Amino acid sequence: MLPNKWYCCPYCGTKIQGLTVKSNCDNVPFYCKKCKQTTMPKIKNGKVVK
C-alpha cells in the first residue's frame, strides 16, 4: 500500500515516514537523516496526535 501522507521532521521539514489511513504508532523513534534529530510522535489512524 502506497503512503498517501508523510510524517515530516518538525525541525527541518524533510519527509521521514510514509503514513496510510491505518497507520498507528506510539513513541517510535523516527530519525531525520538531514538534520540528525530524533522525534517520537504519537500517530493514530494516519494523523499525528499531540
C-alpha atoms as a PDB file:
ATOM      1  CA  MET A   1       0.000   0.000   0.000  1.00  0.00           C
ATOM      2  CA  LEU A   2       1.421   3.366  -1.002  1.00  0.00           C
ATOM      3  CA  PRO A   3       1.575   6.194   1.545  1.00  0.00           C
ATOM      4  CA  ASN A   4      -0.949   8.958   0.995  1.00  0.00           C
ATOM      5  CA  LYS A   5       0.568  11.300   3.603  1.00  0.00           C
ATOM      6  CA  TRP A   6       4.043  11.811   5.043  1.00  0.00           C
ATOM      7  CA  TYR A   7       5.322  12.456   8.549  1.00  0.00           C
ATOM      8  CA  CYS A   8       7.780  15.338   8.205  1.00  0.00           C
ATOM      9  CA  CYS A   9      10.613  16.301  10.528  1.00  0.00           C
ATOM     10  CA  PRO A  10       9.394  19.099  12.840  1.00  0.00           C
ATOM     11  CA  TYR A  11      12.883  20.689  12.764  1.00  0.00           C
ATOM     12  CA  CYS A  12      13.728  20.847   9.030  1.00  0.00           C
ATOM     13  CA  GLY A  13      10.566  19.661   7.207  1.00  0.00           C
ATOM     14  CA  THR A  14      12.114  16.656   5.437  1.00  0.00           C
ATOM     15  CA  LYS A  15       9.794  13.705   4.720  1.00  0.00           C
ATOM     16  CA  ILE A  16      10.694  10.896   7.152  1.00  0.00           C
ATOM     17  CA  GLN A  17       7.966   8.237   7.119  1.00  0.00           C
ATOM     18  CA  GLY A  18       5.043   7.462   4.834  1.00  0.00           C
ATOM     19  CA  LEU A  19       1.633   7.190   6.503  1.00  0.00           C
ATOM     20  CA  THR A  20      -1.555   5.471   5.407  1.00  0.00           C
ATOM     21  CA  VAL A  21      -5.063   5.828   6.838  1.00  0.00           C
ATOM     22  CA  LYS A  22      -4.468   2.797   9.097  1.00  0.00           C
ATOM     23  CA  SER A  23      -1.021   3.863  10.428  1.00  0.00           C
ATOM     24  CA  ASN A  24      -0.668   3.701  14.221  1.00  0.00           C
ATOM     25  CA  CYS A  25       2.425   4.082  16.392  1.00  0.00           C
ATOM     26  CA  ASP A  26       3.221   5.398  19.845  1.00  0.00           C
ATOM     27  CA  ASN A  27       6.682   6.616  20.883  1.00  0.00           C
ATOM     28  CA  VAL A  28       8.520   5.003  17.960  1.00  0.00           C
ATOM     29  CA  PRO A  29      11.739   6.936  17.253  1.00  0.00           C
ATOM     30  CA  PHE A  30      11.981   8.486  13.777  1.00  0.00           C
ATOM     31  CA  TYR A  31      15.462   9.674  12.778  1.00  0.00           C
ATOM     32  CA  CYS A  32      15.955  12.501  10.274  1.00  0.00           C
ATOM     33  CA  LYS A  33      18.989  11.908   8.050  1.00  0.00           C
ATOM     34  CA  LYS A  34      19.192  15.576   7.065  1.00  0.00           C
ATOM     35  CA  CYS A  35      19.305  17.340  10.458  1.00  0.00           C
ATOM     36  CA  LYS A  36      20.185  14.262  12.577  1.00  0.00           C
ATOM     37  CA  GLN A  37      17.359  14.806  15.090  1.00  0.00           C
ATOM     38  CA  THR A  38      15.177  12.058  16.580  1.00  0.00           C
ATOM     39  CA  THR A  39      11.451  12.528  17.232  1.00  0.00           C
ATOM     40  CA  MET A  40       8.945  10.205  18.888  1.00  0.00           C
ATOM     41  CA  PRO A  41       5.457  11.145  17.637  1.00  0.00           C
ATOM     42  CA  LYS A  42       2.106   9.581  18.500  1.00  0.00           C
ATOM     43  CA  ILE A  43       0.260   8.615  15.309  1.00  0.00           C
ATOM     44  CA  LYS A  44      -3.309   7.283  15.291  1.00  0.00           C
ATOM     45  CA  ASN A  45      -5.240   6.468  12.112  1.00  0.00           C
ATOM     46  CA  GLY A  46      -2.677   8.273   9.950  1.00  0.00           C
ATOM     47  CA  LYS A  47      -2.773  11.531  11.937  1.00  0.00           C
ATOM     48  CA  VAL A  48      -0.263  12.967  14.395  1.00  0.00           C
ATOM     49  CA  VAL A  49      -1.792  13.322  17.873  1.00  0.00           C
ATOM     50  CA  LYS A  50      -0.295  15.853  20.278  1.00  0.00           C
END
